[in-house]
Amino acid sequence: MAYKRRNYFINKAFQSEFILKFCGLVILGSIVFGIVLYIFSRHALTTSFENSRLVIKSTADYLFPGLLFGGAIVAIVTALAASIVVALMTHRIAGPMYRFEKYISEIGSGRLDSDLKIRKKDQFQNMAGALNKMTDDLKLGLKEVNEVSKKLDKLIEELSASSTREVLLREDIKRIVGELKKDKQNLSKALGYFKIKY
């Protein structure tokens, strides 16, 4: 079953700001269009009949009430439609960003046992894949460290058991020291994966 997000306002501050700015652009565009049309129609004359009288006005004065009322209606309807479209678009951005924050927080607390999943239609699919690959690489590095740690525990137990005997054979000592050196190299190699600035 596909994951379906029910809440369209995931990051309300981000989405609201985006919607308001987009609506502001729509309203500004409507105002600029009205002003340009008014300016270009100032030098033209229009005749009309009003109350059975022939009236001659500049086209700008004749269009002004219609521009004002019609422009306001168009700006409001367009802003509402734009708000819906922008809310749906930002939903596909804000949702993954919310999931990224939670996932990164989980990784920071040491939980590497889950994968990041976002909806197929959401943005940032490549980022989700990169985060999952990073987590898999971290798991591999930590798995190597864990295996070396288990080997070291085994060698320590073996040394403890051998120390109860009075004499350690040179061959035992050589073998244990050789294995410790090898495990130390493996541990250094596994820890070398993690770059830390001191």
N, C-alpha and C. Protein backbone atom coordinates (compact mmCIF):
# COMPACT_ATOMS: atom_id res chain seq x y z
N MET A 1 0.84 -1.18 0.00
CA MET A 1 0.00 0.00 0.00
C MET A 1 0.89 1.25 0.00
N ALA A 2 0.63 2.18 -0.86
CA ALA A 2 1.43 3.39 -0.99
C ALA A 2 1.17 4.32 0.19
N TYR A 3 2.23 4.98 0.61
CA TYR A 3 2.14 5.94 1.70
C TYR A 3 1.44 7.20 1.19
N LYS A 4 0.40 7.64 1.89
CA LYS A 4 -0.34 8.82 1.46
C LYS A 4 -0.35 9.83 2.60
N ARG A 5 0.13 11.01 2.30
CA ARG A 5 0.18 12.08 3.29
C ARG A 5 -1.16 12.80 3.30
N ARG A 6 -1.77 12.95 4.47
CA ARG A 6 -3.09 13.56 4.56
C ARG A 6 -3.01 15.07 4.84
N ASN A 7 -2.00 15.49 5.52
CA ASN A 7 -1.86 16.89 5.90
C ASN A 7 -1.07 17.63 4.81
N TYR A 8 -1.70 18.62 4.18
CA TYR A 8 -1.03 19.33 3.09
C TYR A 8 -0.15 20.47 3.59
N PHE A 9 -0.33 20.89 4.85
CA PHE A 9 0.53 21.92 5.42
C PHE A 9 1.45 21.28 6.44
N ILE A 10 2.59 20.83 5.95
CA ILE A 10 3.56 20.12 6.78
C ILE A 10 4.48 21.12 7.47
N ASN A 11 5.00 22.05 6.70
CA ASN A 11 5.84 23.12 7.24
C ASN A 11 5.08 24.42 6.98
N LYS A 12 4.22 24.78 7.90
CA LYS A 12 3.28 25.90 7.68
C LYS A 12 3.98 27.22 7.39
N ALA A 13 5.07 27.48 8.07
CA ALA A 13 5.77 28.76 7.86
C ALA A 13 6.31 28.84 6.44
N PHE A 14 7.00 27.81 6.01
CA PHE A 14 7.57 27.78 4.65
C PHE A 14 6.48 27.86 3.59
N GLN A 15 5.45 27.01 3.73
CA GLN A 15 4.40 26.96 2.72
C GLN A 15 3.58 28.24 2.70
N SER A 16 3.26 28.79 3.86
CA SER A 16 2.48 30.04 3.91
C SER A 16 3.25 31.19 3.27
N GLU A 17 4.52 31.29 3.59
CA GLU A 17 5.34 32.36 3.01
C GLU A 17 5.41 32.22 1.49
N PHE A 18 5.57 30.99 1.01
CA PHE A 18 5.64 30.73 -0.42
C PHE A 18 4.33 31.13 -1.10
N ILE A 19 3.21 30.74 -0.51
CA ILE A 19 1.89 31.06 -1.07
C ILE A 19 1.66 32.57 -1.08
N LEU A 20 1.97 33.24 0.03
CA LEU A 20 1.77 34.69 0.10
C LEU A 20 2.61 35.43 -0.94
N LYS A 21 3.86 35.01 -1.10
CA LYS A 21 4.71 35.67 -2.10
C LYS A 21 4.18 35.43 -3.51
N PHE A 22 3.72 34.21 -3.77
CA PHE A 22 3.19 33.90 -5.10
C PHE A 22 1.92 34.70 -5.37
N CYS A 23 1.03 34.76 -4.38
CA CYS A 23 -0.21 35.55 -4.53
C CYS A 23 0.11 37.02 -4.70
N GLY A 24 1.10 37.51 -3.97
CA GLY A 24 1.53 38.90 -4.12
C GLY A 24 1.98 39.19 -5.55
N LEU A 25 2.71 38.24 -6.15
CA LEU A 25 3.13 38.41 -7.55
C LEU A 25 1.93 38.44 -8.49
N VAL A 26 0.94 37.58 -8.23
CA VAL A 26 -0.26 37.55 -9.08
C VAL A 26 -1.00 38.89 -8.99
N ILE A 27 -1.18 39.39 -7.78
CA ILE A 27 -1.89 40.66 -7.58
C ILE A 27 -1.08 41.81 -8.18
N LEU A 28 0.22 41.81 -7.98
CA LEU A 28 1.06 42.85 -8.57
C LEU A 28 0.98 42.81 -10.10
N GLY A 29 0.99 41.61 -10.67
CA GLY A 29 0.85 41.48 -12.12
C GLY A 29 -0.47 42.03 -12.62
N SER A 30 -1.56 41.78 -11.88
CA SER A 30 -2.87 42.31 -12.27
C SER A 30 -2.88 43.83 -12.21
N ILE A 31 -2.28 44.39 -11.16
CA ILE A 31 -2.23 45.85 -11.02
C ILE A 31 -1.41 46.48 -12.15
N VAL A 32 -0.25 45.90 -12.43
CA VAL A 32 0.60 46.43 -13.50
C VAL A 32 -0.13 46.35 -14.84
N PHE A 33 -0.81 45.24 -15.10
CA PHE A 33 -1.57 45.10 -16.35
C PHE A 33 -2.64 46.20 -16.45
N GLY A 34 -3.37 46.43 -15.38
CA GLY A 34 -4.41 47.46 -15.36
C GLY A 34 -3.84 48.85 -15.60
N ILE A 35 -2.71 49.15 -14.95
CA ILE A 35 -2.08 50.47 -15.12
C ILE A 35 -1.61 50.66 -16.56
N VAL A 36 -0.96 49.64 -17.12
CA VAL A 36 -0.47 49.74 -18.51
C VAL A 36 -1.64 49.93 -19.46
N LEU A 37 -2.71 49.16 -19.29
CA LEU A 37 -3.88 49.31 -20.16
C LEU A 37 -4.49 50.70 -20.01
N TYR A 38 -4.57 51.21 -18.81
CA TYR A 38 -5.11 52.54 -18.56
C TYR A 38 -4.26 53.61 -19.25
N ILE A 39 -2.95 53.51 -19.10
CA ILE A 39 -2.06 54.51 -19.71
C ILE A 39 -2.17 54.50 -21.23
N PHE A 40 -2.20 53.33 -21.83
CA PHE A 40 -2.26 53.25 -23.29
C PHE A 40 -3.63 53.64 -23.85
N SER A 41 -4.65 53.60 -23.03
CA SER A 41 -5.98 53.95 -23.54
C SER A 41 -6.38 55.38 -23.20
N ARG A 42 -5.51 56.16 -22.58
CA ARG A 42 -5.83 57.55 -22.22
C ARG A 42 -6.05 58.45 -23.43
N HIS A 43 -5.33 58.22 -24.51
CA HIS A 43 -5.38 59.12 -25.66
C HIS A 43 -6.43 58.70 -26.69
N ALA A 44 -7.18 57.67 -26.38
CA ALA A 44 -8.24 57.24 -27.30
C ALA A 44 -9.59 57.67 -26.75
N LEU A 45 -10.53 57.91 -27.62
CA LEU A 45 -11.87 58.31 -27.20
C LEU A 45 -12.84 57.16 -27.48
N THR A 46 -13.84 57.07 -26.61
CA THR A 46 -14.87 56.05 -26.76
C THR A 46 -16.22 56.74 -26.66
N THR A 47 -17.11 56.35 -27.54
CA THR A 47 -18.48 56.89 -27.47
C THR A 47 -19.41 55.81 -26.98
N SER A 48 -20.38 56.23 -26.20
CA SER A 48 -21.38 55.27 -25.70
C SER A 48 -22.66 56.02 -25.40
N PHE A 49 -23.72 55.26 -25.30
CA PHE A 49 -25.00 55.84 -24.93
C PHE A 49 -25.26 55.53 -23.46
N GLU A 50 -25.45 56.58 -22.68
CA GLU A 50 -25.78 56.42 -21.28
C GLU A 50 -27.06 57.21 -21.00
N ASN A 51 -28.08 56.56 -20.55
CA ASN A 51 -29.38 57.20 -20.28
C ASN A 51 -29.90 57.97 -21.50
N SER A 52 -29.83 57.34 -22.63
CA SER A 52 -30.32 57.89 -23.89
C SER A 52 -29.54 59.11 -24.36
N ARG A 53 -28.35 59.28 -23.86
CA ARG A 53 -27.51 60.39 -24.28
C ARG A 53 -26.21 59.86 -24.83
N LEU A 54 -25.73 60.51 -25.84
CA LEU A 54 -24.44 60.14 -26.41
C LEU A 54 -23.36 60.77 -25.55
N VAL A 55 -22.47 59.91 -25.05
CA VAL A 55 -21.39 60.38 -24.17
C VAL A 55 -20.06 60.05 -24.83
N ILE A 56 -19.16 61.02 -24.83
CA ILE A 56 -17.81 60.81 -25.36
C ILE A 56 -16.84 60.97 -24.19
N LYS A 57 -16.09 59.91 -23.94
CA LYS A 57 -15.10 59.91 -22.85
C LYS A 57 -13.79 59.36 -23.39
N SER A 58 -12.73 59.63 -22.64
CA SER A 58 -11.48 58.96 -23.00
C SER A 58 -11.67 57.48 -22.68
N THR A 59 -11.05 56.65 -23.46
CA THR A 59 -11.20 55.20 -23.27
C THR A 59 -10.71 54.79 -21.87
N ALA A 60 -9.69 55.45 -21.38
CA ALA A 60 -9.17 55.13 -20.04
C ALA A 60 -10.24 55.37 -18.98
N ASP A 61 -10.95 56.50 -19.06
CA ASP A 61 -12.00 56.80 -18.07
C ASP A 61 -13.18 55.82 -18.23
N TYR A 62 -13.44 55.43 -19.44
CA TYR A 62 -14.52 54.50 -19.70
C TYR A 62 -14.18 53.10 -19.15
N LEU A 63 -12.91 52.68 -19.29
CA LEU A 63 -12.48 51.34 -18.85
C LEU A 63 -12.18 51.26 -17.36
N PHE A 64 -11.91 52.39 -16.73
CA PHE A 64 -11.44 52.38 -15.34
C PHE A 64 -12.34 51.60 -14.37
N PRO A 65 -13.65 51.84 -14.33
CA PRO A 65 -14.48 51.07 -13.39
C PRO A 65 -14.43 49.55 -13.67
N GLY A 66 -14.46 49.21 -14.95
CA GLY A 66 -14.38 47.78 -15.30
C GLY A 66 -13.04 47.18 -14.95
N LEU A 67 -11.98 47.96 -15.20
CA LEU A 67 -10.63 47.48 -14.84
C LEU A 67 -10.51 47.29 -13.34
N LEU A 68 -11.02 48.24 -12.59
CA LEU A 68 -10.92 48.17 -11.13
C LEU A 68 -11.68 46.97 -10.60
N PHE A 69 -12.94 46.85 -10.99
CA PHE A 69 -13.78 45.75 -10.50
C PHE A 69 -13.32 44.40 -11.08
N GLY A 70 -13.16 44.36 -12.39
CA GLY A 70 -12.75 43.11 -13.05
C GLY A 70 -11.36 42.68 -12.64
N GLY A 71 -10.45 43.65 -12.52
CA GLY A 71 -9.08 43.34 -12.09
C GLY A 71 -9.05 42.77 -10.69
N ALA A 72 -9.88 43.34 -9.81
CA ALA A 72 -9.94 42.83 -8.43
C ALA A 72 -10.45 41.40 -8.39
N ILE A 73 -11.52 41.15 -9.16
CA ILE A 73 -12.09 39.80 -9.19
C ILE A 73 -11.09 38.80 -9.77
N VAL A 74 -10.46 39.18 -10.90
CA VAL A 74 -9.48 38.28 -11.54
C VAL A 74 -8.30 38.04 -10.59
N ALA A 75 -7.83 39.10 -9.92
CA ALA A 75 -6.70 38.95 -9.01
C ALA A 75 -7.06 38.01 -7.85
N ILE A 76 -8.26 38.16 -7.30
CA ILE A 76 -8.67 37.31 -6.17
C ILE A 76 -8.83 35.85 -6.61
N VAL A 77 -9.52 35.64 -7.73
CA VAL A 77 -9.73 34.26 -8.22
C VAL A 77 -8.39 33.61 -8.57
N THR A 78 -7.54 34.38 -9.26
CA THR A 78 -6.23 33.83 -9.64
C THR A 78 -5.38 33.56 -8.41
N ALA A 79 -5.43 34.45 -7.43
CA ALA A 79 -4.67 34.24 -6.20
C ALA A 79 -5.15 32.99 -5.47
N LEU A 80 -6.47 32.78 -5.42
CA LEU A 80 -6.99 31.57 -4.77
C LEU A 80 -6.55 30.31 -5.52
N ALA A 81 -6.68 30.34 -6.85
CA ALA A 81 -6.26 29.19 -7.64
C ALA A 81 -4.76 28.95 -7.48
N ALA A 82 -3.99 30.03 -7.50
CA ALA A 82 -2.54 29.92 -7.33
C ALA A 82 -2.20 29.36 -5.94
N SER A 83 -2.97 29.78 -4.92
CA SER A 83 -2.74 29.27 -3.56
C SER A 83 -2.91 27.76 -3.51
N ILE A 84 -3.94 27.27 -4.16
CA ILE A 84 -4.18 25.81 -4.17
C ILE A 84 -3.05 25.09 -4.90
N VAL A 85 -2.70 25.61 -6.07
CA VAL A 85 -1.62 24.97 -6.84
C VAL A 85 -0.30 25.01 -6.08
N VAL A 86 0.01 26.16 -5.49
CA VAL A 86 1.26 26.30 -4.75
C VAL A 86 1.26 25.41 -3.51
N ALA A 87 0.11 25.31 -2.83
CA ALA A 87 0.03 24.43 -1.66
C ALA A 87 0.32 22.98 -2.05
N LEU A 88 -0.24 22.55 -3.18
CA LEU A 88 0.01 21.19 -3.65
C LEU A 88 1.47 21.00 -4.06
N MET A 89 2.04 22.03 -4.70
CA MET A 89 3.44 21.93 -5.13
C MET A 89 4.39 21.93 -3.93
N THR A 90 4.16 22.84 -2.99
CA THR A 90 5.05 22.91 -1.83
C THR A 90 4.89 21.70 -0.93
N HIS A 91 3.73 21.07 -1.00
CA HIS A 91 3.48 19.84 -0.24
C HIS A 91 4.48 18.76 -0.65
N ARG A 92 4.83 18.75 -1.93
CA ARG A 92 5.80 17.76 -2.43
C ARG A 92 7.24 18.13 -2.10
N ILE A 93 7.42 19.33 -1.59
CA ILE A 93 8.76 19.76 -1.17
C ILE A 93 8.85 19.69 0.36
N ALA A 94 7.84 20.23 1.03
CA ALA A 94 7.86 20.30 2.49
C ALA A 94 7.79 18.91 3.13
N GLY A 95 7.04 18.01 2.52
CA GLY A 95 6.93 16.65 3.06
C GLY A 95 8.28 15.94 3.11
N PRO A 96 9.01 15.89 1.98
CA PRO A 96 10.32 15.26 2.03
C PRO A 96 11.29 15.97 2.98
N MET A 97 11.23 17.31 3.03
CA MET A 97 12.13 18.03 3.93
C MET A 97 11.85 17.63 5.39
N TYR A 98 10.58 17.48 5.72
CA TYR A 98 10.21 17.04 7.07
C TYR A 98 10.76 15.64 7.35
N ARG A 99 10.62 14.73 6.37
CA ARG A 99 11.14 13.37 6.52
C ARG A 99 12.66 13.38 6.64
N PHE A 100 13.34 14.25 5.86
CA PHE A 100 14.80 14.34 5.94
C PHE A 100 15.24 14.76 7.34
N GLU A 101 14.57 15.76 7.90
CA GLU A 101 14.91 16.23 9.24
C GLU A 101 14.78 15.11 10.27
N LYS A 102 13.67 14.37 10.20
CA LYS A 102 13.46 13.27 11.14
C LYS A 102 14.50 12.18 10.95
N TYR A 103 14.78 11.84 9.70
CA TYR A 103 15.73 10.76 9.39
C TYR A 103 17.14 11.14 9.84
N ILE A 104 17.55 12.36 9.57
CA ILE A 104 18.89 12.82 9.97
C ILE A 104 18.99 12.84 11.49
N SER A 105 17.92 13.21 12.16
CA SER A 105 17.90 13.19 13.63
C SER A 105 18.06 11.75 14.14
N GLU A 106 17.40 10.79 13.49
CA GLU A 106 17.54 9.38 13.88
C GLU A 106 18.99 8.92 13.69
N ILE A 107 19.60 9.28 12.56
CA ILE A 107 20.98 8.89 12.31
C ILE A 107 21.88 9.51 13.37
N GLY A 108 21.64 10.78 13.70
CA GLY A 108 22.43 11.46 14.71
C GLY A 108 22.33 10.81 16.08
N SER A 109 21.20 10.18 16.36
CA SER A 109 21.03 9.51 17.66
C SER A 109 21.51 8.05 17.60
N GLY A 110 22.09 7.66 16.46
CA GLY A 110 22.68 6.32 16.36
C GLY A 110 21.79 5.26 15.77
N ARG A 111 20.59 5.63 15.34
CA ARG A 111 19.67 4.64 14.76
C ARG A 111 19.92 4.54 13.26
N LEU A 112 20.56 3.44 12.87
CA LEU A 112 20.85 3.20 11.46
C LEU A 112 20.02 2.04 10.92
N ASP A 113 18.96 1.68 11.63
CA ASP A 113 18.21 0.48 11.28
C ASP A 113 16.99 0.74 10.41
N SER A 114 16.82 1.96 9.93
CA SER A 114 15.65 2.23 9.09
C SER A 114 16.09 2.89 7.79
N ASP A 115 15.24 2.77 6.78
CA ASP A 115 15.48 3.42 5.49
C ASP A 115 14.56 4.62 5.37
N LEU A 116 15.03 5.60 4.62
CA LEU A 116 14.23 6.80 4.36
C LEU A 116 13.29 6.50 3.20
N LYS A 117 12.00 6.71 3.43
CA LYS A 117 11.01 6.48 2.38
C LYS A 117 10.21 7.76 2.17
N ILE A 118 10.12 8.18 0.91
CA ILE A 118 9.24 9.29 0.56
C ILE A 118 8.36 8.84 -0.59
N ARG A 119 7.27 9.57 -0.80
CA ARG A 119 6.33 9.19 -1.85
C ARG A 119 6.98 9.32 -3.23
N LYS A 120 6.54 8.50 -4.18
CA LYS A 120 7.13 8.49 -5.52
C LYS A 120 6.99 9.82 -6.23
N LYS A 121 5.93 10.57 -5.98
CA LYS A 121 5.71 11.84 -6.68
C LYS A 121 6.38 13.01 -5.98
N ASP A 122 6.95 12.79 -4.81
CA ASP A 122 7.61 13.87 -4.08
C ASP A 122 8.91 14.26 -4.77
N GLN A 123 9.33 15.48 -4.50
CA GLN A 123 10.62 15.97 -5.00
C GLN A 123 11.74 15.35 -4.17
N PHE A 124 12.97 15.51 -4.62
CA PHE A 124 14.17 15.09 -3.90
C PHE A 124 14.35 13.58 -3.81
N GLN A 125 13.93 12.84 -4.83
CA GLN A 125 14.14 11.39 -4.84
C GLN A 125 15.64 11.07 -4.79
N ASN A 126 16.45 11.85 -5.52
CA ASN A 126 17.90 11.61 -5.52
C ASN A 126 18.50 11.82 -4.14
N MET A 127 18.00 12.83 -3.43
CA MET A 127 18.50 13.10 -2.07
C MET A 127 18.15 11.94 -1.13
N ALA A 128 16.95 11.41 -1.26
CA ALA A 128 16.55 10.27 -0.42
C ALA A 128 17.45 9.07 -0.71
N GLY A 129 17.72 8.83 -1.99
CA GLY A 129 18.62 7.73 -2.36
C GLY A 129 20.02 7.93 -1.80
N ALA A 130 20.52 9.16 -1.86
CA ALA A 130 21.86 9.46 -1.34
C ALA A 130 21.92 9.27 0.18
N LEU A 131 20.86 9.69 0.88
CA LEU A 131 20.83 9.49 2.34
C LEU A 131 20.78 8.01 2.70
N ASN A 132 20.00 7.23 1.95
CA ASN A 132 19.94 5.79 2.20
C ASN A 132 21.29 5.13 1.93
N LYS A 133 21.97 5.56 0.86
CA LYS A 133 23.30 5.00 0.55
C LYS A 133 24.29 5.36 1.65
N MET A 134 24.23 6.61 2.14
CA MET A 134 25.10 7.02 3.23
C MET A 134 24.89 6.14 4.46
N THR A 135 23.62 5.88 4.79
CA THR A 135 23.32 5.04 5.94
C THR A 135 23.83 3.62 5.74
N ASP A 136 23.67 3.09 4.52
CA ASP A 136 24.19 1.74 4.23
C ASP A 136 25.70 1.69 4.38
N ASP A 137 26.40 2.73 3.90
CA ASP A 137 27.86 2.78 4.04
C ASP A 137 28.27 2.86 5.51
N LEU A 138 27.53 3.65 6.30
CA LEU A 138 27.81 3.72 7.73
C LEU A 138 27.60 2.36 8.40
N LYS A 139 26.55 1.67 7.98
CA LYS A 139 26.28 0.34 8.55
C LYS A 139 27.44 -0.60 8.25
N LEU A 140 27.94 -0.57 7.01
CA LEU A 140 29.07 -1.45 6.64
C LEU A 140 30.29 -1.15 7.49
N GLY A 141 30.62 0.15 7.64
CA GLY A 141 31.77 0.53 8.45
C GLY A 141 31.62 0.09 9.89
N LEU A 142 30.44 0.29 10.45
CA LEU A 142 30.20 -0.12 11.84
C LEU A 142 30.17 -1.64 12.00
N LYS A 143 29.72 -2.33 10.96
CA LYS A 143 29.73 -3.81 11.00
C LYS A 143 31.16 -4.32 11.08
N GLU A 144 32.07 -3.71 10.30
CA GLU A 144 33.47 -4.11 10.36
C GLU A 144 34.05 -3.86 11.74
N VAL A 145 33.76 -2.69 12.31
CA VAL A 145 34.25 -2.36 13.65
C VAL A 145 33.71 -3.37 14.66
N ASN A 146 32.44 -3.73 14.53
CA ASN A 146 31.82 -4.69 15.45
C ASN A 146 32.47 -6.07 15.34
N GLU A 147 32.76 -6.51 14.09
CA GLU A 147 33.40 -7.82 13.89
C GLU A 147 34.79 -7.84 14.52
N VAL A 148 35.57 -6.78 14.32
CA VAL A 148 36.91 -6.70 14.92
C VAL A 148 36.80 -6.70 16.43
N SER A 149 35.82 -5.99 16.96
CA SER A 149 35.62 -5.95 18.41
C SER A 149 35.33 -7.35 18.97
N LYS A 150 34.51 -8.12 18.25
CA LYS A 150 34.22 -9.50 18.68
C LYS A 150 35.47 -10.36 18.66
N LYS A 151 36.30 -10.19 17.61
CA LYS A 151 37.55 -10.96 17.54
C LYS A 151 38.48 -10.60 18.69
N LEU A 152 38.54 -9.31 19.01
CA LEU A 152 39.38 -8.87 20.13
C LEU A 152 38.87 -9.44 21.45
N ASP A 153 37.56 -9.48 21.62
CA ASP A 153 36.99 -10.08 22.83
C ASP A 153 37.40 -11.54 22.94
N LYS A 154 37.35 -12.24 21.81
CA LYS A 154 37.72 -13.66 21.78
C LYS A 154 39.19 -13.85 22.15
N LEU A 155 40.06 -13.00 21.60
CA LEU A 155 41.48 -13.10 21.92
C LEU A 155 41.75 -12.77 23.39
N ILE A 156 41.02 -11.80 23.92
CA ILE A 156 41.19 -11.45 25.34
C ILE A 156 40.78 -12.62 26.22
N GLU A 157 39.67 -13.28 25.87
CA GLU A 157 39.24 -14.46 26.63
C GLU A 157 40.28 -15.57 26.54
N GLU A 158 40.84 -15.74 25.34
CA GLU A 158 41.86 -16.77 25.15
C GLU A 158 43.09 -16.46 25.98
N LEU A 159 43.49 -15.19 26.02
CA LEU A 159 44.64 -14.79 26.84
C LEU A 159 44.35 -15.00 28.32
N SER A 160 43.11 -14.66 28.71
CA SER A 160 42.74 -14.84 30.12
C SER A 160 42.78 -16.32 30.49
N ALA A 161 42.28 -17.17 29.58
CA ALA A 161 42.29 -18.61 29.85
C ALA A 161 43.72 -19.14 29.86
N SER A 162 44.57 -18.63 28.98
CA SER A 162 45.96 -19.08 28.92
C SER A 162 46.75 -18.60 30.12
N SER A 163 46.39 -17.45 30.67
CA SER A 163 47.15 -16.92 31.80
C SER A 163 46.93 -17.73 33.07
N THR A 164 45.88 -18.52 33.09
CA THR A 164 45.68 -19.39 34.27
C THR A 164 46.66 -20.54 34.26
N ARG A 165 47.14 -20.88 33.06
CA ARG A 165 48.20 -21.88 32.99
C ARG A 165 49.50 -21.19 33.38
N GLU A 166 50.41 -21.93 33.87
CA GLU A 166 51.65 -21.34 34.36
C GLU A 166 52.51 -20.80 33.23
N VAL A 167 52.58 -21.54 32.14
CA VAL A 167 53.49 -21.16 31.08
C VAL A 167 52.72 -21.00 29.77
N LEU A 168 52.97 -19.88 29.12
CA LEU A 168 52.41 -19.69 27.77
C LEU A 168 53.47 -20.12 26.78
N LEU A 169 53.07 -20.89 25.83
CA LEU A 169 54.02 -21.31 24.80
C LEU A 169 54.32 -20.14 23.88
N ARG A 170 55.54 -20.12 23.41
CA ARG A 170 55.94 -19.04 22.50
C ARG A 170 55.06 -19.02 21.26
N GLU A 171 54.68 -20.18 20.78
CA GLU A 171 53.83 -20.25 19.59
C GLU A 171 52.47 -19.62 19.87
N ASP A 172 51.95 -19.86 21.08
CA ASP A 172 50.66 -19.24 21.45
C ASP A 172 50.79 -17.72 21.47
N ILE A 173 51.89 -17.25 22.08
CA ILE A 173 52.10 -15.81 22.18
C ILE A 173 52.25 -15.20 20.79
N LYS A 174 53.05 -15.83 19.93
CA LYS A 174 53.25 -15.32 18.56
C LYS A 174 51.92 -15.28 17.80
N ARG A 175 51.16 -16.36 17.91
CA ARG A 175 49.87 -16.42 17.20
C ARG A 175 48.92 -15.34 17.69
N ILE A 176 48.82 -15.18 19.02
CA ILE A 176 47.90 -14.19 19.59
C ILE A 176 48.34 -12.78 19.21
N VAL A 177 49.65 -12.50 19.31
CA VAL A 177 50.15 -11.18 18.94
C VAL A 177 49.91 -10.91 17.46
N GLY A 178 50.13 -11.92 16.61
CA GLY A 178 49.88 -11.77 15.17
C GLY A 178 48.41 -11.46 14.89
N GLU A 179 47.53 -12.18 15.57
CA GLU A 179 46.09 -11.93 15.39
C GLU A 179 45.69 -10.55 15.92
N LEU A 180 46.30 -10.13 17.05
CA LEU A 180 46.02 -8.80 17.59
C LEU A 180 46.46 -7.71 16.61
N LYS A 181 47.64 -7.88 16.01
CA LYS A 181 48.13 -6.90 15.03
C LYS A 181 47.19 -6.84 13.82
N LYS A 182 46.77 -8.02 13.34
CA LYS A 182 45.87 -8.07 12.19
C LYS A 182 44.53 -7.40 12.53
N ASP A 183 44.00 -7.71 13.72
CA ASP A 183 42.72 -7.11 14.13
C ASP A 183 42.87 -5.60 14.34
N LYS A 184 44.03 -5.18 14.85
CA LYS A 184 44.27 -3.74 15.03
C LYS A 184 44.29 -3.04 13.67
N GLN A 185 44.91 -3.67 12.66
CA GLN A 185 44.93 -3.10 11.31
C GLN A 185 43.52 -3.03 10.73
N ASN A 186 42.74 -4.10 10.92
CA ASN A 186 41.35 -4.11 10.43
C ASN A 186 40.52 -3.03 11.12
N LEU A 187 40.76 -2.87 12.41
CA LEU A 187 40.03 -1.84 13.16
C LEU A 187 40.42 -0.45 12.67
N SER A 188 41.71 -0.23 12.45
CA SER A 188 42.16 1.07 11.93
C SER A 188 41.58 1.34 10.55
N LYS A 189 41.53 0.30 9.72
CA LYS A 189 40.96 0.44 8.37
C LYS A 189 39.47 0.81 8.46
N ALA A 190 38.73 0.10 9.33
CA ALA A 190 37.30 0.37 9.47
C ALA A 190 37.06 1.76 10.04
N LEU A 191 37.88 2.16 11.01
CA LEU A 191 37.71 3.49 11.60
C LEU A 191 38.20 4.58 10.66
N GLY A 192 39.09 4.25 9.72
CA GLY A 192 39.59 5.19 8.74
C GLY A 192 38.49 5.67 7.80
N TYR A 193 37.42 4.91 7.71
CA TYR A 193 36.28 5.31 6.87
C TYR A 193 35.66 6.61 7.38
N PHE A 194 35.68 6.77 8.70
CA PHE A 194 35.05 7.95 9.32
C PHE A 194 36.08 9.05 9.44
N LYS A 195 35.82 10.17 8.80
CA LYS A 195 36.72 11.33 8.84
C LYS A 195 36.21 12.27 9.93
N ILE A 196 37.07 12.50 10.92
CA ILE A 196 36.70 13.34 12.05
C ILE A 196 37.74 14.43 12.19
N LYS A 197 37.28 15.66 12.36
CA LYS A 197 38.19 16.79 12.55
C LYS A 197 38.30 17.06 14.04
N TYR A 198 39.51 17.05 14.54
CA TYR A 198 39.72 17.29 15.98
C TYR A 198 40.05 18.73 16.24
